[in-house]
């Protein structure tokens, strides 16, 4: 980045009022503190002796560069002048060449050993021979010279390549400076990705932004970390953090469908494995978290995962139209498995009630048929009973002569 381009990056923006205002507008005390540290070291030729005081000053800064410079010149926690008279803490000073020169100028063997130990640890080393450590520090006039010695993996320390230059949260400006340099280097050497597209949930923190940038860099470079841990006269990180605090945003792009960010970079990392199961897991998670949708048909999900869309944008267009998704079925924070089980229970309950209803209809139909038959039988019997008196009368009439009226009357009464 050209030193004449005004940006919000406190490590690269010009040390002018325009550069200061660009950093100030972000309302990030840490970035303001990094800018002020550069100002003290590069413009005033001094050093910060109390980082807590600097952070307090950066949290409520003066409104202009002129006012800031005036206040810094007179601050009790800023040492301006000969480096040998500025007492700085070797455990806090940034791992840069300017910090290294400050420590060397003090002529304190213990402070120099403490600084070199930090550099060794940054490269994944652990000191086993203190005399070798002291010799390396005293014989290296610059931090670049010390780095060259450490890259040869001297025997006075043990080395763990897996942890070398791994990003890890560090308090103070030293860690912030290193992680800012990491972001700058990674973004300058991307093949395709533009760091302006780091998702909002990962761009508000330097550490989260570094996780995203470094992991995308590795994705574009055959899983390799940054080729060096040294950039612009200071140490930086070459790989993202291995551990994250609970509840922290997922900003490390990996091939794990359950943890990779729900971005196109995360999607590409998953589908590159050509695993239907992994791709299905990512799509299910995306549907749940972005659409609050439950999967109703696992077979349809796996069919899509077997031939996934080329980009996350295409997936976003396709999913809302999928008939096998119940859009909005899940409220924020609902667990997919619970919701799926609930959906299955609801389906089972519906089928059960359908069978019960059908059974009730059949029973009612049978009962109606039985009652109909019974009613017809009863009506026939009643008709027969009513017909019997008339038949008897007819028989009686045929049994007496027509002129026997008295006998006929007696017969009809007897019958009744």
Foldseek 3Di string as FASTA:
>chain_A
DDLDDAALQLVRHHLAQSNLVRVVVLLDLLSNLSNLQCCLCPVQVKHFADQVVSSVCSNPDDNTSVVSVVCLVPDPRIGGDDLLPDDHQLQADAQFFSSLQSQVSVVDLVSLLSNLQVVQVLQQKHFQASVVSSVLSVVDPTSVSSVVVVVVPDPRIDGDNVRHLEQDDDDHNNSVVQLSVLLVVLQVPAPDDHLVVQDPLQPSDSQSSSLQSQQLSCVRVVNDWPPAQDDPRHGHGGHHHPDDDPPRQQRHQALQLVRHDLAQSNLCRPCVVLDLVRNLSNLQVCCCQVFVKAFQDVVVSSVCSNPDDPTSVVVVVPVVVDPRIDGPQHDPPDDRVVSNVVVVVVVVVVVVVVVVVVVVVVVVVVVVVVVVVVVVVVVVVVVVVVVVLVVQLVVLVVVDDPPPVVVSVVSNVVSD
